[in-house]
Amino acid sequence: MSEEKKTNDVNSKLEKKEINIDEIKEEVIKVLKSCYDPEIPVNIYDLGLIYDIAVAANGDVLVIMTLTSPACPVAGSLPTEVQDKLREHSMIHDARVEITFDPPWGLDNMSEEAKLELGFL
């Protein structure tokens, strides 16, 4: 088989593989719900640490998240852990996690379930 034919076959297979952005976003949320701040028994998604999830047409994912405080003890490790878990998922081509403190995190960011779990309701 010629190199040109091999290239065309690969490109054809890639074109046929449709990327469903909504489905990938749902999978990203599942991964985020498996990540925890070790000091708080609630996942980072329900804790309200996730500000945005962007999924590109090629399956790349960008997660904008915050921490409960700029002095958070896991500031150096949690974003990397989240990024690594996302990259392990078969539907995600690549993943990047960015931290922001604007706006600052507050209790209003938490889901009702998280508030209940932590005794705020």
Protein backbone atom coordinates (compact mmCIF):
# COMPACT_ATOMS: atom_id res chain seq x y z
CA MET A 1 0.00 0.00 0.00
CA SER A 2 1.39 3.41 -0.90
CA GLU A 3 2.09 6.06 1.75
CA GLU A 4 -0.54 8.31 0.17
CA LYS A 5 -3.19 5.59 0.43
CA LYS A 6 -2.27 4.92 4.10
CA THR A 7 -2.54 8.63 4.88
CA ASN A 8 -5.92 8.86 3.16
CA ASP A 9 -7.19 5.80 5.09
CA VAL A 10 -6.11 7.32 8.41
CA ASN A 11 -7.66 10.70 7.57
CA SER A 12 -10.87 8.99 6.50
CA LYS A 13 -11.09 7.13 9.81
CA LEU A 14 -10.47 10.34 11.76
CA GLU A 15 -13.20 12.16 9.84
CA LYS A 16 -15.68 9.37 10.54
CA LYS A 17 -15.01 9.50 14.28
CA GLU A 18 -17.40 12.20 15.38
CA ILE A 19 -16.66 14.16 18.52
CA ASN A 20 -19.75 14.80 20.61
CA ILE A 21 -18.85 17.86 22.69
CA ASP A 22 -21.81 17.47 25.06
CA GLU A 23 -20.94 13.83 25.70
CA ILE A 24 -17.30 14.71 26.41
CA LYS A 25 -18.41 17.48 28.77
CA GLU A 26 -20.54 14.95 30.68
CA GLU A 27 -17.52 12.67 30.94
CA VAL A 28 -15.37 15.57 32.15
CA ILE A 29 -17.90 16.24 34.91
CA LYS A 30 -17.78 12.56 35.93
CA VAL A 31 -13.98 12.80 36.22
CA LEU A 32 -14.23 16.05 38.19
CA LYS A 33 -16.71 14.42 40.57
CA SER A 34 -14.05 11.79 41.32
CA CYS A 35 -11.56 14.45 42.50
CA TYR A 36 -11.53 15.62 46.10
CA ASP A 37 -9.80 18.23 48.19
CA PRO A 38 -8.33 15.91 50.84
CA GLU A 39 -9.49 18.20 53.65
CA ILE A 40 -13.13 18.35 52.51
CA PRO A 41 -15.31 15.24 51.97
CA VAL A 42 -17.05 16.70 48.88
CA ASN A 43 -15.89 16.42 45.27
CA ILE A 44 -14.46 19.53 43.60
CA TYR A 45 -17.39 19.83 41.17
CA ASP A 46 -20.09 19.93 43.86
CA LEU A 47 -17.82 22.07 46.02
CA GLY A 48 -18.12 24.71 43.29
CA LEU A 49 -14.43 24.88 42.45
CA ILE A 50 -15.09 24.45 38.72
CA TYR A 51 -15.85 27.73 36.97
CA ASP A 52 -15.80 26.65 33.33
CA ILE A 53 -15.37 23.60 31.13
CA ALA A 54 -14.50 24.16 27.47
CA VAL A 55 -14.39 21.30 24.98
CA ALA A 56 -12.82 21.85 21.56
CA ALA A 57 -13.95 20.10 18.39
CA ASN A 58 -10.85 17.86 18.51
CA GLY A 59 -11.60 16.63 22.05
CA ASP A 60 -9.22 18.94 23.91
CA VAL A 61 -10.54 20.11 27.27
CA LEU A 62 -9.84 23.27 29.25
CA VAL A 63 -11.03 23.45 32.86
CA ILE A 64 -10.99 26.77 34.70
CA MET A 65 -11.11 26.16 38.42
CA THR A 66 -10.41 27.85 41.70
CA LEU A 67 -9.40 26.73 45.15
CA THR A 68 -11.10 27.44 48.45
CA SER A 69 -8.27 29.87 49.22
CA PRO A 70 -5.03 31.06 47.58
CA ALA A 71 -3.21 29.53 50.57
CA CYS A 72 -4.86 26.13 50.03
CA PRO A 73 -2.38 23.38 50.98
CA VAL A 74 -3.15 21.41 47.78
CA ALA A 75 -2.67 24.39 45.45
CA GLY A 76 0.41 22.76 43.96
CA SER A 77 -0.98 19.25 43.59
CA LEU A 78 -4.76 19.34 43.04
CA PRO A 79 -4.76 21.06 39.61
CA THR A 80 -2.14 18.60 38.35
CA GLU A 81 -4.11 15.66 39.74
CA VAL A 82 -7.26 16.88 37.99
CA GLN A 83 -5.41 17.43 34.72
CA ASP A 84 -3.81 13.96 34.88
CA LYS A 85 -7.17 12.26 35.56
CA LEU A 86 -8.74 14.08 32.62
CA ARG A 87 -5.88 13.08 30.31
CA GLU A 88 -6.37 9.42 31.25
CA HIS A 89 -9.94 9.41 29.91
CA SER A 90 -10.24 7.74 26.51
CA MET A 91 -12.64 10.35 25.10
CA ILE A 92 -10.41 13.30 25.97
CA HIS A 93 -7.67 14.15 23.49
CA ASP A 94 -5.76 16.48 25.82
CA ALA A 95 -6.58 18.45 28.94
CA ARG A 96 -5.38 21.62 30.61
CA VAL A 97 -6.39 23.01 34.00
CA GLU A 98 -6.03 26.68 34.81
CA ILE A 99 -6.45 28.24 38.25
CA THR A 100 -8.16 31.55 38.87
CA PHE A 101 -9.16 33.40 42.02
CA ASP A 102 -11.45 35.81 40.22
CA PRO A 103 -14.10 35.63 41.50
CA PRO A 104 -13.01 34.25 44.86
CA TRP A 105 -14.65 31.01 45.93
CA GLY A 106 -17.47 31.22 48.47
CA LEU A 107 -20.09 28.99 50.06
CA ASP A 108 -22.62 30.12 47.44
CA ASN A 109 -20.60 28.19 44.83
CA MET A 110 -21.44 24.85 46.46
CA SER A 111 -24.24 22.60 45.28
CA GLU A 112 -27.17 21.95 47.60
CA GLU A 113 -25.87 18.40 48.09
CA ALA A 114 -22.45 19.70 49.16
CA LYS A 115 -23.99 22.18 51.58
CA LEU A 116 -26.09 19.39 53.08
CA GLU A 117 -23.09 17.05 53.33
CA LEU A 118 -21.04 19.72 55.13
CA GLY A 119 -23.86 20.76 57.46
CA PHE A 120 -24.60 24.18 55.94
CA LEU A 121 -28.30 23.35 55.40
